[in-house]
Amino acid sequence: MVVNCVICSDNIDSTSDAYSTRCGHVFHFVCLIGWLERSKTCPQCRNETSENDIHRLYLHTSNESEVQDGLLWSQIERLRSDIKRKELEAKTALETVNGLR
């Protein structure tokens, strides 16, 4: 899962100082503090919030690149299977056409 800070648009990962507002939205700490200096609302939903309402999140993620790699490989294998099935269907259709001639 990829989480983005809507203030700066960068990813929030396990090495980020991630903070949550009372309404549950997640941001980088530096981005959120900068925002709250200008506005006392959540940057995402605009609910009223303040520095007292934010909480540090302690994220623990598995190796995200390994997870992504696994998902991509399973998609590749599924697509390879789809290609083989379509090639077989095309071969069968071609044989049918040749038989009709």
PDB file of N, CA and C in Angstrom:
ATOM      1  N   MET A   1       0.847  -1.159   0.000  1.00  0.00           N
ATOM      2  CA  MET A   1       0.000   0.000   0.000  1.00  0.00           C
ATOM      3  C   MET A   1       0.896   1.226   0.000  1.00  0.00           C
ATOM      4  N   VAL A   2       0.529   2.199  -0.816  1.00  0.00           N
ATOM      5  CA  VAL A   2       1.266   3.440  -0.879  1.00  0.00           C
ATOM      6  C   VAL A   2       0.387   4.556  -0.325  1.00  0.00           C
ATOM      7  N   VAL A   3       0.933   5.296   0.626  1.00  0.00           N
ATOM      8  CA  VAL A   3       0.225   6.411   1.231  1.00  0.00           C
ATOM      9  C   VAL A   3       0.965   7.684   0.856  1.00  0.00           C
ATOM     10  N   ASN A   4       0.227   8.676   0.390  1.00  0.00           N
ATOM     11  CA  ASN A   4       0.820   9.950   0.011  1.00  0.00           C
ATOM     12  C   ASN A   4       0.372  11.048   0.950  1.00  0.00           C
ATOM     13  N   CYS A   5       1.263  11.989   1.199  1.00  0.00           N
ATOM     14  CA  CYS A   5       0.940  13.199   1.934  1.00  0.00           C
ATOM     15  C   CYS A   5       0.297  14.153   0.931  1.00  0.00           C
ATOM     16  N   VAL A   6      -0.943  14.561   1.170  1.00  0.00           N
ATOM     17  CA  VAL A   6      -1.632  15.423   0.207  1.00  0.00           C
ATOM     18  C   VAL A   6      -1.078  16.843   0.198  1.00  0.00           C
ATOM     19  N   ILE A   7      -0.264  17.184   1.181  1.00  0.00           N
ATOM     20  CA  ILE A   7       0.332  18.517   1.208  1.00  0.00           C
ATOM     21  C   ILE A   7       1.499  18.601   0.235  1.00  0.00           C
ATOM     22  N   CYS A   8       2.415  17.630   0.296  1.00  0.00           N
ATOM     23  CA  CYS A   8       3.609  17.674  -0.562  1.00  0.00           C
ATOM     24  C   CYS A   8       3.570  16.662  -1.701  1.00  0.00           C
ATOM     25  N   SER A   9       2.635  15.726  -1.667  1.00  0.00           N
ATOM     26  CA  SER A   9       2.447  14.673  -2.677  1.00  0.00           C
ATOM     27  C   SER A   9       3.526  13.598  -2.663  1.00  0.00           C
ATOM     28  N   ASP A  10       4.413  13.595  -1.675  1.00  0.00           N
ATOM     29  CA  ASP A  10       5.422  12.540  -1.564  1.00  0.00           C
ATOM     30  C   ASP A  10       4.857  11.359  -0.778  1.00  0.00           C
ATOM     31  N   ASN A  11       5.489  10.194  -0.972  1.00  0.00           N
ATOM     32  CA  ASN A  11       5.068   8.993  -0.250  1.00  0.00           C
ATOM     33  C   ASN A  11       5.375   9.111   1.233  1.00  0.00           C
ATOM     34  N   ILE A  12       4.537   8.487   2.031  1.00  0.00           N
ATOM     35  CA  ILE A  12       4.785   8.345   3.461  1.00  0.00           C
ATOM     36  C   ILE A  12       5.136   6.886   3.675  1.00  0.00           C
ATOM     37  N   ASP A  13       6.324   6.630   4.199  1.00  0.00           N
ATOM     38  CA  ASP A  13       6.750   5.253   4.426  1.00  0.00           C
ATOM     39  C   ASP A  13       7.194   5.079   5.866  1.00  0.00           C
ATOM     40  N   SER A  14       7.746   3.922   6.184  1.00  0.00           N
ATOM     41  CA  SER A  14       8.097   3.615   7.572  1.00  0.00           C
ATOM     42  C   SER A  14       9.242   4.487   8.084  1.00  0.00           C
ATOM     43  N   THR A  15       9.970   5.165   7.219  1.00  0.00           N
ATOM     44  CA  THR A  15      11.045   6.051   7.663  1.00  0.00           C
ATOM     45  C   THR A  15      10.563   7.486   7.845  1.00  0.00           C
ATOM     46  N   SER A  16       9.332   7.774   7.469  1.00  0.00           N
ATOM     47  CA  SER A  16       8.774   9.121   7.571  1.00  0.00           C
ATOM     48  C   SER A  16       8.268   9.400   8.974  1.00  0.00           C
ATOM     49  N   ASP A  17       8.304  10.669   9.357  1.00  0.00           N
ATOM     50  CA  ASP A  17       7.633  11.097  10.573  1.00  0.00           C
ATOM     51  C   ASP A  17       6.178  11.341  10.204  1.00  0.00           C
ATOM     52  N   ALA A  18       5.366  10.304  10.334  1.00  0.00           N
ATOM     53  CA  ALA A  18       3.963  10.369   9.932  1.00  0.00           C
ATOM     54  C   ALA A  18       3.101  10.741  11.118  1.00  0.00           C
ATOM     55  N   TYR A  19       2.172  11.663  10.874  1.00  0.00           N
ATOM     56  CA  TYR A  19       1.242  12.106  11.908  1.00  0.00           C
ATOM     57  C   TYR A  19      -0.172  12.043  11.362  1.00  0.00           C
ATOM     58  N   SER A  20      -1.110  11.788  12.263  1.00  0.00           N
ATOM     59  CA  SER A  20      -2.513  11.696  11.905  1.00  0.00           C
ATOM     60  C   SER A  20      -3.286  12.801  12.600  1.00  0.00           C
ATOM     61  N   THR A  21      -4.265  13.333  11.889  1.00  0.00           N
ATOM     62  CA  THR A  21      -5.181  14.293  12.496  1.00  0.00           C
ATOM     63  C   THR A  21      -6.278  13.534  13.233  1.00  0.00           C
ATOM     64  N   ARG A  22      -7.082  14.231  13.988  1.00  0.00           N
ATOM     65  CA  ARG A  22      -8.191  13.612  14.729  1.00  0.00           C
ATOM     66  C   ARG A  22      -9.159  12.912  13.774  1.00  0.00           C
ATOM     67  N   CYS A  23      -9.293  13.452  12.557  1.00  0.00           N
ATOM     68  CA  CYS A  23     -10.211  12.866  11.582  1.00  0.00           C
ATOM     69  C   CYS A  23      -9.599  11.665  10.859  1.00  0.00           C
ATOM     70  N   GLY A  24      -8.318  11.365  11.134  1.00  0.00           N
ATOM     71  CA  GLY A  24      -7.716  10.149  10.614  1.00  0.00           C
ATOM     72  C   GLY A  24      -6.850  10.319   9.380  1.00  0.00           C
ATOM     73  N   HIS A  25      -6.695  11.506   8.867  1.00  0.00           N
ATOM     74  CA  HIS A  25      -5.869  11.709   7.684  1.00  0.00           C
ATOM     75  C   HIS A  25      -4.394  11.767   8.078  1.00  0.00           C
ATOM     76  N   VAL A  26      -3.527  11.307   7.180  1.00  0.00           N
ATOM     77  CA  VAL A  26      -2.111  11.122   7.497  1.00  0.00           C
ATOM     78  C   VAL A  26      -1.249  12.047   6.641  1.00  0.00           C
ATOM     79  N   PHE A  27      -0.239  12.651   7.291  1.00  0.00           N
ATOM     80  CA  PHE A  27       0.648  13.599   6.634  1.00  0.00           C
ATOM     81  C   PHE A  27       2.057  13.474   7.197  1.00  0.00           C
ATOM     82  N   HIS A  28       3.037  14.028   6.489  1.00  0.00           N
ATOM     83  CA  HIS A  28       4.363  14.189   7.066  1.00  0.00           C
ATOM     84  C   HIS A  28       4.260  15.226   8.182  1.00  0.00           C
ATOM     85  N   PHE A  29       5.012  15.040   9.251  1.00  0.00           N
ATOM     86  CA  PHE A  29       4.962  15.955  10.387  1.00  0.00           C
ATOM     87  C   PHE A  29       5.298  17.385   9.961  1.00  0.00           C
ATOM     88  N   VAL A  30       6.388  17.548   9.233  1.00  0.00           N
ATOM     89  CA  VAL A  30       6.827  18.884   8.819  1.00  0.00           C
ATOM     90  C   VAL A  30       5.758  19.552   7.953  1.00  0.00           C
ATOM     91  N   CYS A  31       5.170  18.802   7.046  1.00  0.00           N
ATOM     92  CA  CYS A  31       4.114  19.356   6.182  1.00  0.00           C
ATOM     93  C   CYS A  31       2.907  19.782   7.008  1.00  0.00           C
ATOM     94  N   LEU A  32       2.496  18.930   7.935  1.00  0.00           N
ATOM     95  CA  LEU A  32       1.300  19.208   8.729  1.00  0.00           C
ATOM     96  C   LEU A  32       1.507  20.408   9.652  1.00  0.00           C
ATOM     97  N   ILE A  33       2.656  20.489  10.295  1.00  0.00           N
ATOM     98  CA  ILE A  33       2.925  21.622  11.185  1.00  0.00           C
ATOM     99  C   ILE A  33       2.939  22.922  10.378  1.00  0.00           C
ATOM    100  N   GLY A  34       3.572  22.895   9.207  1.00  0.00           N
ATOM    101  CA  GLY A  34       3.579  24.078   8.345  1.00  0.00           C
ATOM    102  C   GLY A  34       2.172  24.492   7.951  1.00  0.00           C
ATOM    103  N   TRP A  35       1.346  23.503   7.639  1.00  0.00           N
ATOM    104  CA  TRP A  35      -0.054  23.781   7.278  1.00  0.00           C
ATOM    105  C   TRP A  35      -0.814  24.396   8.454  1.00  0.00           C
ATOM    106  N   LEU A  36      -0.646  23.785   9.630  1.00  0.00           N
ATOM    107  CA  LEU A  36      -1.395  24.237  10.804  1.00  0.00           C
ATOM    108  C   LEU A  36      -0.965  25.630  11.280  1.00  0.00           C
ATOM    109  N   GLU A  37       0.225  26.074  10.881  1.00  0.00           N
ATOM    110  CA  GLU A  37       0.632  27.446  11.182  1.00  0.00           C
ATOM    111  C   GLU A  37      -0.205  28.452  10.384  1.00  0.00           C
ATOM    112  N   ARG A  38      -0.687  28.014   9.217  1.00  0.00           N
ATOM    113  CA  ARG A  38      -1.474  28.889   8.344  1.00  0.00           C
ATOM    114  C   ARG A  38      -2.974  28.677   8.488  1.00  0.00           C
ATOM    115  N   SER A  39      -3.372  27.459   8.852  1.00  0.00           N
ATOM    116  CA  SER A  39      -4.796  27.128   8.897  1.00  0.00           C
ATOM    117  C   SER A  39      -5.047  26.132  10.017  1.00  0.00           C
ATOM    118  N   LYS A  40      -6.137  26.269  10.689  1.00  0.00           N
ATOM    119  CA  LYS A  40      -6.482  25.354  11.787  1.00  0.00           C
ATOM    120  C   LYS A  40      -7.492  24.305  11.324  1.00  0.00           C
ATOM    121  N   THR A  41      -7.311  23.838  10.088  1.00  0.00           N
ATOM    122  CA  THR A  41      -8.183  22.791   9.549  1.00  0.00           C
ATOM    123  C   THR A  41      -7.336  21.662   8.992  1.00  0.00           C
ATOM    124  N   CYS A  42      -7.928  20.490   8.869  1.00  0.00           N
ATOM    125  CA  CYS A  42      -7.267  19.351   8.239  1.00  0.00           C
ATOM    126  C   CYS A  42      -7.041  19.689   6.769  1.00  0.00           C
ATOM    127  N   PRO A  43      -5.833  19.466   6.259  1.00  0.00           N
ATOM    128  CA  PRO A  43      -5.551  19.764   4.861  1.00  0.00           C
ATOM    129  C   PRO A  43      -6.386  18.950   3.872  1.00  0.00           C
ATOM    130  N   GLN A  44      -6.910  17.823   4.312  1.00  0.00           N
ATOM    131  CA  GLN A  44      -7.640  16.958   3.400  1.00  0.00           C
ATOM    132  C   GLN A  44      -9.149  17.180   3.462  1.00  0.00           C
ATOM    133  N   CYS A  45      -9.727  17.184   4.637  1.00  0.00           N
ATOM    134  CA  CYS A  45     -11.190  17.284   4.728  1.00  0.00           C
ATOM    135  C   CYS A  45     -11.678  18.614   5.282  1.00  0.00           C
ATOM    136  N   ARG A  46     -10.749  19.441   5.738  1.00  0.00           N
ATOM    137  CA  ARG A  46     -11.043  20.783   6.258  1.00  0.00           C
ATOM    138  C   ARG A  46     -11.780  20.794   7.594  1.00  0.00           C
ATOM    139  N   ASN A  47     -11.820  19.651   8.300  1.00  0.00           N
ATOM    140  CA  ASN A  47     -12.367  19.656   9.655  1.00  0.00           C
ATOM    141  C   ASN A  47     -11.431  20.448  10.557  1.00  0.00           C
ATOM    142  N   GLU A  48     -11.997  21.090  11.553  1.00  0.00           N
ATOM    143  CA  GLU A  48     -11.198  21.881  12.478  1.00  0.00           C
ATOM    144  C   GLU A  48     -10.211  20.992  13.220  1.00  0.00           C
ATOM    145  N   THR A  49      -8.962  21.442  13.321  1.00  0.00           N
ATOM    146  CA  THR A  49      -7.935  20.679  14.027  1.00  0.00           C
ATOM    147  C   THR A  49      -6.849  21.623  14.504  1.00  0.00           C
ATOM    148  N   SER A  50      -5.991  21.142  15.396  1.00  0.00           N
ATOM    149  CA  SER A  50      -4.884  21.943  15.906  1.00  0.00           C
ATOM    150  C   SER A  50      -3.713  21.019  16.221  1.00  0.00           C
ATOM    151  N   GLU A  51      -2.600  21.628  16.633  1.00  0.00           N
ATOM    152  CA  GLU A  51      -1.417  20.837  16.993  1.00  0.00           C
ATOM    153  C   GLU A  51      -1.720  19.849  18.127  1.00  0.00           C
ATOM    154  N   ASN A  52      -2.674  20.203  18.978  1.00  0.00           N
ATOM    155  CA  ASN A  52      -3.037  19.321  20.100  1.00  0.00           C
ATOM    156  C   ASN A  52      -3.814  18.088  19.639  1.00  0.00           C
ATOM    157  N   ASP A  53      -4.351  18.120  18.436  1.00  0.00           N
ATOM    158  CA  ASP A  53      -5.179  17.026  17.926  1.00  0.00           C
ATOM    159  C   ASP A  53      -4.408  16.020  17.073  1.00  0.00           C
ATOM    160  N   ILE A  54      -3.123  16.254  16.849  1.00  0.00           N
ATOM    161  CA  ILE A  54      -2.384  15.351  15.962  1.00  0.00           C
ATOM    162  C   ILE A  54      -1.634  14.305  16.782  1.00  0.00           C
ATOM    163  N   HIS A  55      -1.415  13.151  16.153  1.00  0.00           N
ATOM    164  CA  HIS A  55      -0.773  12.036  16.839  1.00  0.00           C
ATOM    165  C   HIS A  55       0.260  11.389  15.926  1.00  0.00           C
ATOM    166  N   ARG A  56       1.383  11.010  16.524  1.00  0.00           N
ATOM    167  CA  ARG A  56       2.453  10.329  15.790  1.00  0.00           C
ATOM    168  C   ARG A  56       1.995   8.930  15.440  1.00  0.00           C
ATOM    169  N   LEU A  57       2.297   8.494  14.223  1.00  0.00           N
ATOM    170  CA  LEU A  57       2.023   7.122  13.794  1.00  0.00           C
ATOM    171  C   LEU A  57       3.344   6.382  13.695  1.00  0.00           C
ATOM    172  N   TYR A  58       3.375   5.169  14.194  1.00  0.00           N
ATOM    173  CA  TYR A  58       4.568   4.340  14.116  1.00  0.00           C
ATOM    174  C   TYR A  58       4.289   3.243  13.103  1.00  0.00           C
ATOM    175  N   LEU A  59       4.789   3.451  11.907  1.00  0.00           N
ATOM    176  CA  LEU A  59       4.494   2.542  10.807  1.00  0.00           C
ATOM    177  C   LEU A  59       5.518   1.421  10.744  1.00  0.00           C
ATOM    178  N   HIS A  60       5.038   0.240  10.522  1.00  0.00           N
ATOM    179  CA  HIS A  60       5.911  -0.903  10.269  1.00  0.00           C
ATOM    180  C   HIS A  60       5.403  -1.560   8.999  1.00  0.00           C
ATOM    181  N   THR A  61       6.246  -1.595   8.012  1.00  0.00           N
ATOM    182  CA  THR A  61       5.847  -2.194   6.748  1.00  0.00           C
ATOM    183  C   THR A  61       6.834  -3.284   6.367  1.00  0.00           C
ATOM    184  N   SER A  62       6.354  -4.234   5.605  1.00  0.00           N
ATOM    185  CA  SER A  62       7.259  -5.228   5.069  1.00  0.00           C
ATOM    186  C   SER A  62       8.064  -4.549   3.968  1.00  0.00           C
ATOM    187  N   ASN A  63       9.023  -5.240   3.450  1.00  0.00           N
ATOM    188  CA  ASN A  63       9.820  -4.668   2.370  1.00  0.00           C
ATOM    189  C   ASN A  63       8.888  -4.393   1.202  1.00  0.00           C
ATOM    190  N   GLU A  64       8.531  -3.134   1.037  1.00  0.00           N
ATOM    191  CA  GLU A  64       7.521  -2.753   0.057  1.00  0.00           C
ATOM    192  C   GLU A  64       7.919  -3.145  -1.368  1.00  0.00           C
ATOM    193  N   SER A  65       9.207  -3.056  -1.682  1.00  0.00           N
ATOM    194  CA  SER A  65       9.620  -3.392  -3.043  1.00  0.00           C
ATOM    195  C   SER A  65       9.457  -4.881  -3.308  1.00  0.00           C
ATOM    196  N   GLU A  66       9.693  -5.719  -2.288  1.00  0.00           N
ATOM    197  CA  GLU A  66       9.486  -7.160  -2.464  1.00  0.00           C
ATOM    198  C   GLU A  66       8.013  -7.470  -2.679  1.00  0.00           C
ATOM    199  N   VAL A  67       7.156  -6.805  -1.941  1.00  0.00           N
ATOM    200  CA  VAL A  67       5.710  -7.012  -2.103  1.00  0.00           C
ATOM    201  C   VAL A  67       5.288  -6.589  -3.507  1.00  0.00           C
ATOM    202  N   GLN A  68       5.749  -5.406  -3.941  1.00  0.00           N
ATOM    203  CA  GLN A  68       5.411  -4.916  -5.275  1.00  0.00           C
ATOM    204  C   GLN A  68       5.934  -5.878  -6.338  1.00  0.00           C
ATOM    205  N   ASP A  69       7.184  -6.359  -6.164  1.00  0.00           N
ATOM    206  CA  ASP A  69       7.758  -7.305  -7.126  1.00  0.00           C
ATOM    207  C   ASP A  69       6.905  -8.562  -7.220  1.00  0.00           C
ATOM    208  N   GLY A  70       6.461  -9.073  -6.067  1.00  0.00           N
ATOM    209  CA  GLY A  70       5.628 -10.273  -6.063  1.00  0.00           C
ATOM    210  C   GLY A  70       4.316 -10.053  -6.793  1.00  0.00           C
ATOM    211  N   LEU A  71       3.716  -8.894  -6.571  1.00  0.00           N
ATOM    212  CA  LEU A  71       2.467  -8.579  -7.260  1.00  0.00           C
ATOM    213  C   LEU A  71       2.686  -8.467  -8.758  1.00  0.00           C
ATOM    214  N   LEU A  72       3.773  -7.822  -9.155  1.00  0.00           N
ATOM    215  CA  LEU A  72       4.054  -7.673 -10.581  1.00  0.00           C
ATOM    216  C   LEU A  72       4.312  -9.026 -11.241  1.00  0.00           C
ATOM    217  N   TRP A  73       5.066  -9.906 -10.554  1.00  0.00           N
ATOM    218  CA  TRP A  73       5.335 -11.226 -11.131  1.00  0.00           C
ATOM    219  C   TRP A  73       4.055 -12.040 -11.270  1.00  0.00           C
ATOM    220  N   SER A  74       3.152 -11.942 -10.302  1.00  0.00           N
ATOM    221  CA  SER A  74       1.905 -12.687 -10.427  1.00  0.00           C
ATOM    222  C   SER A  74       1.065 -12.126 -11.574  1.00  0.00           C
ATOM    223  N   GLN A  75       1.093 -10.818 -11.787  1.00  0.00           N
ATOM    224  CA  GLN A  75       0.386 -10.230 -12.923  1.00  0.00           C
ATOM    225  C   GLN A  75       1.001 -10.687 -14.239  1.00  0.00           C
ATOM    226  N   ILE A  76       2.327 -10.738 -14.290  1.00  0.00           N
ATOM    227  CA  ILE A  76       3.012 -11.200 -15.506  1.00  0.00           C
ATOM    228  C   ILE A  76       2.628 -12.638 -15.815  1.00  0.00           C
ATOM    229  N   GLU A  77       2.627 -13.492 -14.799  1.00  0.00           N
ATOM    230  CA  GLU A  77       2.267 -14.904 -15.012  1.00  0.00           C
ATOM    231  C   GLU A  77       0.821 -15.038 -15.485  1.00  0.00           C
ATOM    232  N   ARG A  78      -0.074 -14.241 -14.918  1.00  0.00           N
ATOM    233  CA  ARG A  78      -1.469 -14.276 -15.345  1.00  0.00           C
ATOM    234  C   ARG A  78      -1.592 -13.832 -16.798  1.00  0.00           C
ATOM    235  N   LEU A  79      -0.873 -12.785 -17.162  1.00  0.00           N
ATOM    236  CA  LEU A  79      -0.917 -12.293 -18.540  1.00  0.00           C
ATOM    237  C   LEU A  79      -0.316 -13.301 -19.518  1.00  0.00           C
ATOM    238  N   ARG A  80       0.755 -13.971 -19.109  1.00  0.00           N
ATOM    239  CA  ARG A  80       1.349 -15.023 -19.960  1.00  0.00           C
ATOM    240  C   ARG A  80       0.332 -16.140 -20.204  1.00  0.00           C
ATOM    241  N   SER A  81      -0.378 -16.511 -19.146  1.00  0.00           N
ATOM    242  CA  SER A  81      -1.411 -17.535 -19.271  1.00  0.00           C
ATOM    243  C   SER A  81      -2.517 -17.066 -20.219  1.00  0.00           C
ATOM    244  N   ASP A  82      -2.916 -15.808 -20.092  1.00  0.00           N
ATOM    245  CA  ASP A  82      -3.943 -15.245 -20.979  1.00  0.00           C
ATOM    246  C   ASP A  82      -3.474 -15.269 -22.435  1.00  0.00           C
ATOM    247  N   ILE A  83      -2.214 -14.941 -22.657  1.00  0.00           N
ATOM    248  CA  ILE A  83      -1.662 -14.945 -24.022  1.00  0.00           C
ATOM    249  C   ILE A  83      -1.692 -16.351 -24.600  1.00  0.00           C
ATOM    250  N   LYS A  84      -1.259 -17.339 -23.818  1.00  0.00           N
ATOM    251  CA  LYS A  84      -1.267 -18.729 -24.297  1.00  0.00           C
ATOM    252  C   LYS A  84      -2.681 -19.170 -24.648  1.00  0.00           C
ATOM    253  N   ARG A  85      -3.657 -18.804 -23.794  1.00  0.00           N
ATOM    254  CA  ARG A  85      -5.045 -19.163 -24.062  1.00  0.00           C
ATOM    255  C   ARG A  85      -5.533 -18.499 -25.350  1.00  0.00           C
ATOM    256  N   LYS A  86      -5.219 -17.236 -25.544  1.00  0.00           N
ATOM    257  CA  LYS A  86      -5.637 -16.522 -26.753  1.00  0.00           C
ATOM    258  C   LYS A  86      -4.958 -17.093 -27.998  1.00  0.00           C
ATOM    259  N   GLU A  87      -3.675 -17.471 -27.870  1.00  0.00           N
ATOM    260  CA  GLU A  87      -2.983 -18.082 -29.009  1.00  0.00           C
ATOM    261  C   GLU A  87      -3.644 -19.396 -29.395  1.00  0.00           C
ATOM    262  N   LEU A  88      -4.044 -20.200 -28.402  1.00  0.00           N
ATOM    263  CA  LEU A  88      -4.734 -21.464 -28.670  1.00  0.00           C
ATOM    264  C   LEU A  88      -6.087 -21.208 -29.333  1.00  0.00           C
ATOM    265  N   GLU A  89      -6.819 -20.194 -28.854  1.00  0.00           N
ATOM    266  CA  GLU A  89      -8.103 -19.848 -29.457  1.00  0.00           C
ATOM    267  C   GLU A  89      -7.914 -19.393 -30.903  1.00  0.00           C
ATOM    268  N   ALA A  90      -6.868 -18.613 -31.164  1.00  0.00           N
ATOM    269  CA  ALA A  90      -6.596 -18.137 -32.524  1.00  0.00           C
ATOM    270  C   ALA A  90      -6.235 -19.306 -33.432  1.00  0.00           C
ATOM    271  N   LYS A  91      -5.433 -20.236 -32.924  1.00  0.00           N
ATOM    272  CA  LYS A  91      -5.041 -21.408 -33.715  1.00  0.00           C
ATOM    273  C   LYS A  91      -6.274 -22.248 -34.054  1.00  0.00           C
ATOM    274  N   THR A  92      -7.153 -22.454 -33.073  1.00  0.00           N
ATOM    275  CA  THR A  92      -8.375 -23.227 -33.296  1.00  0.00           C
ATOM    276  C   THR A  92      -9.273 -22.530 -34.317  1.00  0.00           C
ATOM    277  N   ALA A  93      -9.403 -21.199 -34.213  1.00  0.00           N
ATOM    278  CA  ALA A  93     -10.227 -20.450 -35.149  1.00  0.00           C
ATOM    279  C   ALA A  93      -9.641 -20.531 -36.560  1.00  0.00           C
ATOM    280  N   LEU A  94      -8.317 -20.457 -36.683  1.00  0.00           N
ATOM    281  CA  LEU A  94      -7.664 -20.551 -37.987  1.00  0.00           C
ATOM    282  C   LEU A  94      -7.881 -21.932 -38.592  1.00  0.00           C
ATOM    283  N   GLU A  95      -7.797 -22.983 -37.782  1.00  0.00           N
ATOM    284  CA  GLU A  95      -8.051 -24.332 -38.275  1.00  0.00           C
ATOM    285  C   GLU A  95      -9.501 -24.462 -38.737  1.00  0.00           C
ATOM    286  N   THR A  96     -10.431 -23.861 -38.025  1.00  0.00           N
ATOM    287  CA  THR A  96     -11.840 -23.881 -38.404  1.00  0.00           C
ATOM    288  C   THR A  96     -12.035 -23.170 -39.734  1.00  0.00           C
ATOM    289  N   VAL A  97     -11.416 -22.024 -39.908  1.00  0.00           N
ATOM    290  CA  VAL A  97     -11.514 -21.260 -41.160  1.00  0.00           C
ATOM    291  C   VAL A  97     -10.937 -22.078 -42.318  1.00  0.00           C
ATOM    292  N   ASN A  98      -9.771 -22.680 -42.093  1.00  0.00           N
ATOM    293  CA  ASN A  98      -9.142 -23.492 -43.151  1.00  0.00           C
ATOM    294  C   ASN A  98     -10.000 -24.703 -43.490  1.00  0.00           C
ATOM    295  N   GLY A  99     -10.656 -25.279 -42.492  1.00  0.00           N
ATOM    296  CA  GLY A  99     -11.544 -26.418 -42.749  1.00  0.00           C
ATOM    297  C   GLY A  99     -12.778 -26.039 -43.541  1.00  0.00           C
ATOM    298  N   LEU A 100     -13.229 -24.813 -43.403  1.00  0.00           N
ATOM    299  CA  LEU A 100     -14.405 -24.346 -44.135  1.00  0.00           C
ATOM    300  C   LEU A 100     -14.082 -24.021 -45.589  1.00  0.00           C
ATOM    301  N   ARG A 101     -12.833 -23.772 -45.892  1.00  0.00           N
ATOM    302  CA  ARG A 101     -12.446 -23.442 -47.268  1.00  0.00           C
ATOM    303  C   ARG A 101     -12.474 -24.680 -48.080  1.00  0.00           C
TER     304      ARG A 101
END
